[in-house]
Amino acid sequence: MEELLILISDDKVKNIIFFWMIVIGLSVLAYSLIDYLTRKKDLKKVGIDIKENEGLERLSNIDSLSQWFGQLFSISERDVEKKFTSAGIYNSKFYKWLLPIKYISLAVGVVAIFFYTTGQHMTLTNTIIFIAVWVVLVVVGPDLYLEIRKRKLQRRLSERLPYLLDLMGVCVRTGMTIEAAIAYLAHEMEGFDKDIAHMLHQTNERAKLVGLESALEELYARVPTNEVRSFVMTLNQSLQYGSSIYEVLSNLAKDIREVHMLDLEEKIGRLAAKMSIPLILFIMFPIVILITAPGIMRMLGG
């Protein structure tokens, strides 16, 4: 730790960091300028004036930026509840504690860092660096962890969707409606798959309020994967045009399994290329050294 502080406090290191920050900033600025000029030139070829679209584009950039920040920062208790639910944490006791723990830890950590750096007679620059790192860890860290869990949960739900479609098809084949099948499976699957059970329970509750079609669209908004999109679109088309739901669910489950199998085969195909790097580094180079080392040693000794 002390060696790191000494390294950071060195003027040469500070100048190098400052230089590279300037280089990166100028590179980003140059790339943005080149991209802007290229896009403007391309739009002029098709008769579109870029100035007319700058207002809408600015609004779109602001929306995307606010959405990105919204994924990293929990602003209200409702946002916290939504993030916990999306991450697969359904216990409501944890929702109200995240924000107080986060900001109390932030304040206590800042005070502790200030007293520590003051006691160690560190410079103001080092104090600001430590405080900035702590702020990023405390404010962004928990939300980033929840975002990672959310993506893993979405991938896991997509992988288990074919089994759910098979069970739903069996329920429909016995005479149940789609709504009744969703409600029945939501209750029966609580014992061995709480994630799918919670997803079905949410869809069932929303279907009672806004209808099954809107509830399925909200399901896709919560789990925006290709498998869930295919499920929602296929089921909505079947409900609109009155086709056989059992056949549709069976075919969709079969198609999703085939897609998963193709993805697995693609990963296996890429495995050989990935394994070549450690083979070259840890096997070929040592073998070359073992073969050539005795001759080189004899030449040096002779």
C-alpha atoms as a PDB file:
ATOM      1  CA  MET A   1       0.000   0.000   0.000  1.00  0.00           C
ATOM      2  CA  GLU A   2       2.760   2.433   0.917  1.00  0.00           C
ATOM      3  CA  GLU A   3       4.649   1.572  -2.274  1.00  0.00           C
ATOM      4  CA  LEU A   4       1.519   2.333  -4.298  1.00  0.00           C
ATOM      5  CA  LEU A   5       1.129   5.689  -2.554  1.00  0.00           C
ATOM      6  CA  ILE A   6       4.769   6.540  -3.179  1.00  0.00           C
ATOM      7  CA  LEU A   7       4.358   5.587  -6.835  1.00  0.00           C
ATOM      8  CA  ILE A   8       1.232   7.728  -7.213  1.00  0.00           C
ATOM      9  CA  SER A   9       2.841  10.710  -5.482  1.00  0.00           C
ATOM     10  CA  ASP A  10       5.802  10.658  -7.880  1.00  0.00           C
ATOM     11  CA  ASP A  11       5.722  13.662 -10.219  1.00  0.00           C
ATOM     12  CA  LYS A  12       6.852  11.608 -13.216  1.00  0.00           C
ATOM     13  CA  VAL A  13       4.010   9.118 -12.734  1.00  0.00           C
ATOM     14  CA  LYS A  14       1.507  11.959 -12.419  1.00  0.00           C
ATOM     15  CA  ASN A  15       2.812  13.523 -15.619  1.00  0.00           C
ATOM     16  CA  ILE A  16       2.577  10.192 -17.456  1.00  0.00           C
ATOM     17  CA  ILE A  17      -1.015   9.630 -16.268  1.00  0.00           C
ATOM     18  CA  PHE A  18      -1.957  13.186 -17.186  1.00  0.00           C
ATOM     19  CA  PHE A  19      -0.352  12.782 -20.614  1.00  0.00           C
ATOM     20  CA  TRP A  20      -2.239   9.570 -21.369  1.00  0.00           C
ATOM     21  CA  MET A  21      -5.515  11.099 -20.176  1.00  0.00           C
ATOM     22  CA  ILE A  22      -4.978  13.941 -22.643  1.00  0.00           C
ATOM     23  CA  VAL A  23      -4.135  11.470 -25.424  1.00  0.00           C
ATOM     24  CA  ILE A  24      -7.252   9.389 -24.731  1.00  0.00           C
ATOM     25  CA  GLY A  25      -9.432  12.492 -24.562  1.00  0.00           C
ATOM     26  CA  LEU A  26      -8.075  13.855 -27.839  1.00  0.00           C
ATOM     27  CA  SER A  27      -8.489  10.439 -29.476  1.00  0.00           C
ATOM     28  CA  VAL A  28     -12.122  10.225 -28.397  1.00  0.00           C
ATOM     29  CA  LEU A  29     -12.723  13.780 -29.583  1.00  0.00           C
ATOM     30  CA  ALA A  30     -11.095  13.076 -32.960  1.00  0.00           C
ATOM     31  CA  TYR A  31     -13.064   9.859 -33.384  1.00  0.00           C
ATOM     32  CA  SER A  32     -16.333  11.648 -32.567  1.00  0.00           C
ATOM     33  CA  LEU A  33     -15.521  14.435 -35.031  1.00  0.00           C
ATOM     34  CA  ILE A  34     -14.627  11.996 -37.825  1.00  0.00           C
ATOM     35  CA  ASP A  35     -17.769   9.951 -37.148  1.00  0.00           C
ATOM     36  CA  TYR A  36     -19.910  13.111 -37.191  1.00  0.00           C
ATOM     37  CA  LEU A  37     -18.431  14.333 -40.483  1.00  0.00           C
ATOM     38  CA  THR A  38     -18.753  10.897 -42.101  1.00  0.00           C
ATOM     39  CA  ARG A  39     -22.369  10.552 -41.027  1.00  0.00           C
ATOM     40  CA  LYS A  40     -23.160  14.073 -42.217  1.00  0.00           C
ATOM     41  CA  LYS A  41     -21.625  13.301 -45.606  1.00  0.00           C
ATOM     42  CA  ASP A  42     -23.589  10.052 -45.922  1.00  0.00           C
ATOM     43  CA  LEU A  43     -26.851  11.747 -44.986  1.00  0.00           C
ATOM     44  CA  LYS A  44     -26.303  14.501 -47.534  1.00  0.00           C
ATOM     45  CA  LYS A  45     -26.009  11.861 -50.248  1.00  0.00           C
ATOM     46  CA  VAL A  46     -29.584  10.746 -49.573  1.00  0.00           C
ATOM     47  CA  GLY A  47     -30.887  14.304 -49.205  1.00  0.00           C
ATOM     48  CA  ILE A  48     -31.179  14.491 -45.421  1.00  0.00           C
ATOM     49  CA  ASP A  49     -30.035  17.582 -43.574  1.00  0.00           C
ATOM     50  CA  ILE A  50     -28.388  16.629 -40.320  1.00  0.00           C
ATOM     51  CA  LYS A  51     -29.404  19.879 -38.635  1.00  0.00           C
ATOM     52  CA  GLU A  52     -33.079  18.948 -38.879  1.00  0.00           C
ATOM     53  CA  ASN A  53     -32.432  15.724 -36.996  1.00  0.00           C
ATOM     54  CA  GLU A  54     -30.064  17.047 -34.349  1.00  0.00           C
ATOM     55  CA  GLY A  55     -32.896  17.873 -31.944  1.00  0.00           C
ATOM     56  CA  LEU A  56     -34.393  14.393 -32.069  1.00  0.00           C
ATOM     57  CA  GLU A  57     -30.944  12.815 -31.931  1.00  0.00           C
ATOM     58  CA  ARG A  58     -30.049  14.873 -28.878  1.00  0.00           C
ATOM     59  CA  LEU A  59     -33.211  13.725 -27.130  1.00  0.00           C
ATOM     60  CA  SER A  60     -32.432  10.128 -28.062  1.00  0.00           C
ATOM     61  CA  ASN A  61     -28.889  10.441 -26.696  1.00  0.00           C
ATOM     62  CA  ILE A  62     -30.205  11.959 -23.473  1.00  0.00           C
ATOM     63  CA  ASP A  63     -32.731   9.133 -23.081  1.00  0.00           C
ATOM     64  CA  SER A  64     -30.104   6.455 -23.666  1.00  0.00           C
ATOM     65  CA  LEU A  65     -27.682   8.170 -21.277  1.00  0.00           C
ATOM     66  CA  SER A  66     -30.325   8.483 -18.569  1.00  0.00           C
ATOM     67  CA  GLN A  67     -31.286   4.835 -19.068  1.00  0.00           C
ATOM     68  CA  TRP A  68     -27.636   3.796 -18.679  1.00  0.00           C
ATOM     69  CA  PHE A  69     -27.256   5.834 -15.500  1.00  0.00           C
ATOM     70  CA  GLY A  70     -30.552   4.456 -14.254  1.00  0.00           C
ATOM     71  CA  GLN A  71     -29.152   0.944 -14.526  1.00  0.00           C
ATOM     72  CA  LEU A  72     -26.162   1.847 -12.362  1.00  0.00           C
ATOM     73  CA  PHE A  73     -27.799   4.018  -9.703  1.00  0.00           C
ATOM     74  CA  SER A  74     -30.750   3.194  -7.449  1.00  0.00           C
ATOM     75  CA  ILE A  75     -32.588   6.453  -6.888  1.00  0.00           C
ATOM     76  CA  SER A  76     -35.744   5.404  -5.029  1.00  0.00           C
ATOM     77  CA  GLU A  77     -37.027   2.428  -3.061  1.00  0.00           C
ATOM     78  CA  ARG A  78     -39.178   1.440  -6.019  1.00  0.00           C
ATOM     79  CA  ASP A  79     -36.084   1.262  -8.247  1.00  0.00           C
ATOM     80  CA  VAL A  80     -34.362  -0.851  -5.608  1.00  0.00           C
ATOM     81  CA  GLU A  81     -37.315  -3.241  -5.450  1.00  0.00           C
ATOM     82  CA  LYS A  82     -37.376  -3.550  -9.226  1.00  0.00           C
ATOM     83  CA  LYS A  83     -33.636  -4.273  -9.373  1.00  0.00           C
ATOM     84  CA  PHE A  84     -33.798  -6.856  -6.597  1.00  0.00           C
ATOM     85  CA  THR A  85     -36.720  -8.613  -8.274  1.00  0.00           C
ATOM     86  CA  SER A  86     -34.993  -8.574 -11.665  1.00  0.00           C
ATOM     87  CA  ALA A  87     -31.871 -10.041 -10.035  1.00  0.00           C
ATOM     88  CA  GLY A  88     -33.810 -12.953  -8.520  1.00  0.00           C
ATOM     89  CA  ILE A  89     -33.963 -11.650  -4.920  1.00  0.00           C
ATOM     90  CA  TYR A  90     -37.641 -11.754  -3.972  1.00  0.00           C
ATOM     91  CA  ASN A  91     -37.435 -11.155  -0.220  1.00  0.00           C
ATOM     92  CA  SER A  92     -38.941  -7.728   0.430  1.00  0.00           C
ATOM     93  CA  LYS A  93     -36.978  -7.316   3.680  1.00  0.00           C
ATOM     94  CA  PHE A  94     -33.839  -6.379   1.753  1.00  0.00           C
ATOM     95  CA  TYR A  95     -35.421  -3.638  -0.372  1.00  0.00           C
ATOM     96  CA  LYS A  96     -35.608  -0.933   2.273  1.00  0.00           C
ATOM     97  CA  TRP A  97     -32.096  -1.514   3.614  1.00  0.00           C
ATOM     98  CA  LEU A  98     -30.006  -1.035   0.473  1.00  0.00           C
ATOM     99  CA  LEU A  99     -30.144   2.760   0.218  1.00  0.00           C
ATOM    100  CA  PRO A 100     -29.562   3.445   3.958  1.00  0.00           C
ATOM    101  CA  ILE A 101     -26.669   0.961   4.129  1.00  0.00           C
ATOM    102  CA  LYS A 102     -25.175   2.333   0.921  1.00  0.00           C
ATOM    103  CA  TYR A 103     -25.154   5.989   1.930  1.00  0.00           C
ATOM    104  CA  ILE A 104     -24.223   5.376   5.574  1.00  0.00           C
ATOM    105  CA  SER A 105     -21.263   3.299   4.376  1.00  0.00           C
ATOM    106  CA  LEU A 106     -20.391   6.089   1.961  1.00  0.00           C
ATOM    107  CA  ALA A 107     -20.334   8.740   4.692  1.00  0.00           C
ATOM    108  CA  VAL A 108     -18.470   6.565   7.206  1.00  0.00           C
ATOM    109  CA  GLY A 109     -15.915   5.519   4.588  1.00  0.00           C
ATOM    110  CA  VAL A 110     -15.234   9.091   3.481  1.00  0.00           C
ATOM    111  CA  VAL A 111     -14.694  10.203   7.085  1.00  0.00           C
ATOM    112  CA  ALA A 112     -12.439   7.204   7.801  1.00  0.00           C
ATOM    113  CA  ILE A 113     -10.361   7.814   4.665  1.00  0.00           C
ATOM    114  CA  PHE A 114     -10.020  11.489   5.551  1.00  0.00           C
ATOM    115  CA  PHE A 115      -8.761  10.744   9.066  1.00  0.00           C
ATOM    116  CA  TYR A 116      -6.465   7.962   7.809  1.00  0.00           C
ATOM    117  CA  THR A 117      -4.848  10.090   5.117  1.00  0.00           C
ATOM    118  CA  THR A 118      -4.514  12.991   7.544  1.00  0.00           C
ATOM    119  CA  GLY A 119      -2.815  10.756  10.103  1.00  0.00           C
ATOM    120  CA  GLN A 120      -0.444   9.389   7.466  1.00  0.00           C
ATOM    121  CA  HIS A 121       0.345  12.941   6.271  1.00  0.00           C
ATOM    122  CA  MET A 122      -0.709  12.187   2.705  1.00  0.00           C
ATOM    123  CA  THR A 123      -1.241  14.836   0.081  1.00  0.00           C
ATOM    124  CA  LEU A 124      -4.635  16.203  -0.869  1.00  0.00           C
ATOM    125  CA  THR A 125      -4.411  14.507  -4.272  1.00  0.00           C
ATOM    126  CA  ASN A 126      -4.058  11.050  -2.717  1.00  0.00           C
ATOM    127  CA  THR A 127      -6.967  11.752  -0.374  1.00  0.00           C
ATOM    128  CA  ILE A 128      -9.192  12.750  -3.277  1.00  0.00           C
ATOM    129  CA  ILE A 129      -8.176   9.619  -5.220  1.00  0.00           C
ATOM    130  CA  PHE A 130      -9.025   7.300  -2.317  1.00  0.00           C
ATOM    131  CA  ILE A 131     -12.338   9.051  -1.689  1.00  0.00           C
ATOM    132  CA  ALA A 132     -13.264   8.868  -5.383  1.00  0.00           C
ATOM    133  CA  VAL A 133     -12.491   5.129  -5.501  1.00  0.00           C
ATOM    134  CA  TRP A 134     -14.564   4.537  -2.366  1.00  0.00           C
ATOM    135  CA  VAL A 135     -17.505   6.532  -3.743  1.00  0.00           C
ATOM    136  CA  VAL A 136     -17.473   4.518  -6.966  1.00  0.00           C
ATOM    137  CA  LEU A 137     -17.299   1.208  -5.084  1.00  0.00           C
ATOM    138  CA  VAL A 138     -20.120   2.050  -2.688  1.00  0.00           C
ATOM    139  CA  VAL A 139     -22.495   3.810  -5.085  1.00  0.00           C
ATOM    140  CA  VAL A 140     -22.003   1.775  -8.256  1.00  0.00           C
ATOM    141  CA  GLY A 141     -20.824  -1.559  -6.829  1.00  0.00           C
ATOM    142  CA  PRO A 142     -24.112  -2.935  -5.414  1.00  0.00           C
ATOM    143  CA  ASP A 143     -26.130  -1.879  -8.461  1.00  0.00           C
ATOM    144  CA  LEU A 144     -23.510  -3.342 -10.784  1.00  0.00           C
ATOM    145  CA  TYR A 145     -23.700  -6.627  -8.863  1.00  0.00           C
ATOM    146  CA  LEU A 146     -27.499  -6.647  -9.194  1.00  0.00           C
ATOM    147  CA  GLU A 147     -27.186  -5.927 -12.915  1.00  0.00           C
ATOM    148  CA  ILE A 148     -24.826  -8.900 -13.350  1.00  0.00           C
ATOM    149  CA  ARG A 149     -27.241 -11.147 -11.441  1.00  0.00           C
ATOM    150  CA  LYS A 150     -30.098  -9.858 -13.582  1.00  0.00           C
ATOM    151  CA  ARG A 151     -28.349 -10.865 -16.808  1.00  0.00           C
ATOM    152  CA  LYS A 152     -27.496 -14.291 -15.412  1.00  0.00           C
ATOM    153  CA  LEU A 153     -31.119 -14.777 -14.370  1.00  0.00           C
ATOM    154  CA  GLN A 154     -32.384 -13.779 -17.813  1.00  0.00           C
ATOM    155  CA  ARG A 155     -30.020 -16.263 -19.435  1.00  0.00           C
ATOM    156  CA  ARG A 156     -31.072 -19.001 -17.000  1.00  0.00           C
ATOM    157  CA  LEU A 157     -34.774 -18.361 -17.621  1.00  0.00           C
ATOM    158  CA  SER A 158     -34.197 -18.533 -21.368  1.00  0.00           C
ATOM    159  CA  GLU A 159     -32.411 -21.866 -21.002  1.00  0.00           C
ATOM    160  CA  ARG A 160     -35.280 -23.327 -18.951  1.00  0.00           C
ATOM    161  CA  LEU A 161     -38.025 -21.968 -21.178  1.00  0.00           C
ATOM    162  CA  PRO A 162     -38.358 -25.135 -23.370  1.00  0.00           C
ATOM    163  CA  TYR A 163     -39.230 -27.245 -20.312  1.00  0.00           C
ATOM    164  CA  LEU A 164     -41.828 -24.673 -19.297  1.00  0.00           C
ATOM    165  CA  LEU A 165     -43.305 -24.759 -22.797  1.00  0.00           C
ATOM    166  CA  ASP A 166     -43.575 -28.557 -22.643  1.00  0.00           C
ATOM    167  CA  LEU A 167     -45.385 -28.399 -19.307  1.00  0.00           C
ATOM    168  CA  MET A 168     -47.662 -25.640 -20.553  1.00  0.00           C
ATOM    169  CA  GLY A 169     -48.429 -27.659 -23.675  1.00  0.00           C
ATOM    170  CA  VAL A 170     -49.418 -30.659 -21.545  1.00  0.00           C
ATOM    171  CA  CYS A 171     -51.707 -28.447 -19.453  1.00  0.00           C
ATOM    172  CA  VAL A 172     -53.334 -27.014 -22.581  1.00  0.00           C
ATOM    173  CA  ARG A 173     -53.712 -30.521 -24.028  1.00  0.00           C
ATOM    174  CA  THR A 174     -55.702 -31.583 -20.962  1.00  0.00           C
ATOM    175  CA  GLY A 175     -58.232 -28.796 -21.534  1.00  0.00           C
ATOM    176  CA  MET A 176     -56.832 -25.858 -19.563  1.00  0.00           C
ATOM    177  CA  THR A 177     -56.771 -22.355 -20.957  1.00  0.00           C
ATOM    178  CA  ILE A 178     -53.475 -20.484 -21.204  1.00  0.00           C
ATOM    179  CA  GLU A 179     -54.382 -18.340 -18.185  1.00  0.00           C
ATOM    180  CA  ALA A 180     -55.278 -21.402 -16.115  1.00  0.00           C
ATOM    181  CA  ALA A 181     -52.102 -23.196 -17.203  1.00  0.00           C
ATOM    182  CA  ILE A 182     -49.940 -20.213 -16.191  1.00  0.00           C
ATOM    183  CA  ALA A 183     -51.655 -19.964 -12.787  1.00  0.00           C
ATOM    184  CA  TYR A 184     -51.353 -23.723 -12.188  1.00  0.00           C
ATOM    185  CA  LEU A 185     -47.680 -23.887 -13.161  1.00  0.00           C
ATOM    186  CA  ALA A 186     -46.874 -20.787 -11.080  1.00  0.00           C
ATOM    187  CA  HIS A 187     -48.185 -22.626  -8.019  1.00  0.00           C
ATOM    188  CA  GLU A 188     -46.706 -26.046  -8.795  1.00  0.00           C
ATOM    189  CA  MET A 189     -43.193 -24.838  -9.693  1.00  0.00           C
ATOM    190  CA  GLU A 190     -42.590 -22.912  -6.466  1.00  0.00           C
ATOM    191  CA  GLY A 191     -41.016 -25.986  -4.895  1.00  0.00           C
ATOM    192  CA  PHE A 192     -38.209 -26.567  -7.394  1.00  0.00           C
ATOM    193  CA  ASP A 193     -37.778 -23.410  -9.517  1.00  0.00           C
ATOM    194  CA  LYS A 194     -38.635 -20.194  -7.736  1.00  0.00           C
ATOM    195  CA  ASP A 195     -37.443 -17.993 -10.617  1.00  0.00           C
ATOM    196  CA  ILE A 196     -39.834 -19.435 -13.204  1.00  0.00           C
ATOM    197  CA  ALA A 197     -42.577 -19.585 -10.562  1.00  0.00           C
ATOM    198  CA  HIS A 198     -42.126 -15.884  -9.806  1.00  0.00           C
ATOM    199  CA  MET A 199     -42.081 -15.028 -13.519  1.00  0.00           C
ATOM    200  CA  LEU A 200     -45.326 -16.947 -14.088  1.00  0.00           C
ATOM    201  CA  HIS A 201     -46.910 -15.458 -10.981  1.00  0.00           C
ATOM    202  CA  GLN A 202     -46.147 -11.922 -12.179  1.00  0.00           C
ATOM    203  CA  THR A 203     -47.510 -12.705 -15.636  1.00  0.00           C
ATOM    204  CA  ASN A 204     -50.652 -14.236 -14.148  1.00  0.00           C
ATOM    205  CA  GLU A 205     -51.315 -11.245 -11.888  1.00  0.00           C
ATOM    206  CA  ARG A 206     -50.798  -8.785 -14.737  1.00  0.00           C
ATOM    207  CA  ALA A 207     -53.015 -10.859 -17.050  1.00  0.00           C
ATOM    208  CA  LYS A 208     -55.883 -10.465 -14.582  1.00  0.00           C
ATOM    209  CA  LEU A 209     -55.521  -6.685 -14.757  1.00  0.00           C
ATOM    210  CA  VAL A 210     -54.496  -5.806 -18.319  1.00  0.00           C
ATOM    211  CA  GLY A 211     -55.134  -8.993 -20.290  1.00  0.00           C
ATOM    212  CA  LEU A 212     -52.887 -11.823 -21.379  1.00  0.00           C
ATOM    213  CA  GLU A 213     -51.483 -10.091 -24.466  1.00  0.00           C
ATOM    214  CA  SER A 214     -50.281  -7.039 -22.539  1.00  0.00           C
ATOM    215  CA  ALA A 215     -48.995  -9.258 -19.722  1.00  0.00           C
ATOM    216  CA  LEU A 216     -46.891 -11.215 -22.209  1.00  0.00           C
ATOM    217  CA  GLU A 217     -45.477  -7.974 -23.634  1.00  0.00           C
ATOM    218  CA  GLU A 218     -44.529  -6.909 -20.107  1.00  0.00           C
ATOM    219  CA  LEU A 219     -42.894 -10.314 -19.626  1.00  0.00           C
ATOM    220  CA  TYR A 220     -40.693  -9.659 -22.645  1.00  0.00           C
ATOM    221  CA  ALA A 221     -39.853  -6.204 -21.251  1.00  0.00           C
ATOM    222  CA  ARG A 222     -38.651  -7.856 -18.026  1.00  0.00           C
ATOM    223  CA  VAL A 223     -36.773 -10.683 -19.781  1.00  0.00           C
ATOM    224  CA  PRO A 224     -35.647  -9.248 -23.163  1.00  0.00           C
ATOM    225  CA  THR A 225     -34.132 -12.381 -24.696  1.00  0.00           C
ATOM    226  CA  ASN A 226     -34.675 -13.965 -28.090  1.00  0.00           C
ATOM    227  CA  GLU A 227     -36.323 -17.047 -26.589  1.00  0.00           C
ATOM    228  CA  VAL A 228     -38.861 -15.043 -24.587  1.00  0.00           C
ATOM    229  CA  ARG A 229     -39.540 -12.816 -27.600  1.00  0.00           C
ATOM    230  CA  SER A 230     -40.302 -15.879 -29.722  1.00  0.00           C
ATOM    231  CA  PHE A 231     -42.546 -17.228 -26.968  1.00  0.00           C
ATOM    232  CA  VAL A 232     -44.470 -13.957 -26.627  1.00  0.00           C
ATOM    233  CA  MET A 233     -44.886 -13.362 -30.364  1.00  0.00           C
ATOM    234  CA  THR A 234     -45.901 -16.960 -31.082  1.00  0.00           C
ATOM    235  CA  LEU A 235     -48.398 -17.095 -28.240  1.00  0.00           C
ATOM    236  CA  ASN A 236     -49.951 -13.736 -29.163  1.00  0.00           C
ATOM    237  CA  GLN A 237     -50.339 -14.832 -32.787  1.00  0.00           C
ATOM    238  CA  SER A 238     -51.966 -18.068 -31.666  1.00  0.00           C
ATOM    239  CA  LEU A 239     -54.381 -16.172 -29.440  1.00  0.00           C
ATOM    240  CA  GLN A 240     -55.264 -13.737 -32.234  1.00  0.00           C
ATOM    241  CA  TYR A 241     -55.705 -16.229 -35.082  1.00  0.00           C
ATOM    242  CA  GLY A 242     -56.974 -19.202 -33.088  1.00  0.00           C
ATOM    243  CA  SER A 243     -54.365 -21.767 -34.122  1.00  0.00           C
ATOM    244  CA  SER A 244     -53.588 -24.873 -32.079  1.00  0.00           C
ATOM    245  CA  ILE A 245     -51.678 -23.693 -29.022  1.00  0.00           C
ATOM    246  CA  TYR A 246     -50.385 -27.162 -28.122  1.00  0.00           C
ATOM    247  CA  GLU A 247     -48.716 -27.625 -31.499  1.00  0.00           C
ATOM    248  CA  VAL A 248     -47.297 -24.117 -31.363  1.00  0.00           C
ATOM    249  CA  LEU A 249     -45.812 -24.624 -27.894  1.00  0.00           C
ATOM    250  CA  SER A 250     -44.318 -28.000 -28.839  1.00  0.00           C
ATOM    251  CA  ASN A 251     -42.745 -26.643 -32.027  1.00  0.00           C
ATOM    252  CA  LEU A 252     -41.400 -23.582 -30.224  1.00  0.00           C
ATOM    253  CA  ALA A 253     -39.815 -25.716 -27.485  1.00  0.00           C
ATOM    254  CA  LYS A 254     -38.212 -27.889 -30.153  1.00  0.00           C
ATOM    255  CA  ASP A 255     -36.885 -24.850 -32.045  1.00  0.00           C
ATOM    256  CA  ILE A 256     -35.418 -23.282 -28.895  1.00  0.00           C
ATOM    257  CA  ARG A 257     -33.655 -26.542 -28.022  1.00  0.00           C
ATOM    258  CA  GLU A 258     -32.194 -26.698 -31.518  1.00  0.00           C
ATOM    259  CA  VAL A 259     -30.942 -23.116 -31.220  1.00  0.00           C
ATOM    260  CA  HIS A 260     -29.342 -23.913 -27.858  1.00  0.00           C
ATOM    261  CA  MET A 261     -27.712 -26.987 -29.374  1.00  0.00           C
ATOM    262  CA  LEU A 262     -26.329 -24.907 -32.251  1.00  0.00           C
ATOM    263  CA  ASP A 263     -24.926 -22.378 -29.775  1.00  0.00           C
ATOM    264  CA  LEU A 264     -23.298 -25.202 -27.828  1.00  0.00           C
ATOM    265  CA  GLU A 265     -21.770 -26.651 -31.003  1.00  0.00           C
ATOM    266  CA  GLU A 266     -20.442 -23.212 -31.914  1.00  0.00           C
ATOM    267  CA  LYS A 267     -18.816 -22.851 -28.490  1.00  0.00           C
ATOM    268  CA  ILE A 268     -17.266 -26.301 -28.836  1.00  0.00           C
ATOM    269  CA  GLY A 269     -15.951 -25.337 -32.276  1.00  0.00           C
ATOM    270  CA  ARG A 270     -14.306 -22.219 -30.853  1.00  0.00           C
ATOM    271  CA  LEU A 271     -12.754 -24.203 -28.023  1.00  0.00           C
ATOM    272  CA  ALA A 272      -9.975 -25.580 -30.246  1.00  0.00           C
ATOM    273  CA  ALA A 273      -8.852 -22.075 -31.202  1.00  0.00           C
ATOM    274  CA  LYS A 274      -8.910 -20.967 -27.567  1.00  0.00           C
ATOM    275  CA  MET A 275      -6.907 -23.987 -26.440  1.00  0.00           C
ATOM    276  CA  SER A 276      -4.168 -23.308 -28.969  1.00  0.00           C
ATOM    277  CA  ILE A 277      -2.914 -20.292 -26.997  1.00  0.00           C
ATOM    278  CA  PRO A 278      -2.157 -22.154 -23.724  1.00  0.00           C
ATOM    279  CA  LEU A 279      -0.768 -25.072 -25.738  1.00  0.00           C
ATOM    280  CA  ILE A 280       1.700 -22.755 -27.455  1.00  0.00           C
ATOM    281  CA  LEU A 281       2.627 -20.888 -24.272  1.00  0.00           C
ATOM    282  CA  PHE A 282       2.906 -23.767 -21.805  1.00  0.00           C
ATOM    283  CA  ILE A 283       3.847 -26.758 -23.986  1.00  0.00           C
ATOM    284  CA  MET A 284       5.523 -25.691 -27.220  1.00  0.00           C
ATOM    285  CA  PHE A 285       7.844 -23.070 -25.715  1.00  0.00           C
ATOM    286  CA  PRO A 286       9.063 -25.339 -22.853  1.00  0.00           C
ATOM    287  CA  ILE A 287       9.657 -28.188 -25.332  1.00  0.00           C
ATOM    288  CA  VAL A 288      11.697 -25.890 -27.574  1.00  0.00           C
ATOM    289  CA  ILE A 289      13.711 -24.731 -24.569  1.00  0.00           C
ATOM    290  CA  LEU A 290      14.306 -28.316 -23.386  1.00  0.00           C
ATOM    291  CA  ILE A 291      15.479 -29.378 -26.852  1.00  0.00           C
ATOM    292  CA  THR A 292      17.765 -26.432 -27.535  1.00  0.00           C
ATOM    293  CA  ALA A 293      19.087 -25.804 -24.006  1.00  0.00           C
ATOM    294  CA  PRO A 294      21.635 -28.717 -23.890  1.00  0.00           C
ATOM    295  CA  GLY A 295      23.181 -27.748 -27.235  1.00  0.00           C
ATOM    296  CA  ILE A 296      23.392 -24.085 -26.257  1.00  0.00           C
ATOM    297  CA  MET A 297      24.976 -24.996 -22.908  1.00  0.00           C
ATOM    298  CA  ARG A 298      27.570 -27.226 -24.641  1.00  0.00           C
ATOM    299  CA  MET A 299      28.383 -24.424 -27.086  1.00  0.00           C
ATOM    300  CA  LEU A 300      28.831 -21.942 -24.261  1.00  0.00           C
ATOM    301  CA  GLY A 301      30.861 -24.432 -22.218  1.00  0.00           C
ATOM    302  CA  GLY A 302      33.081 -25.467 -25.149  1.00  0.00           C
END
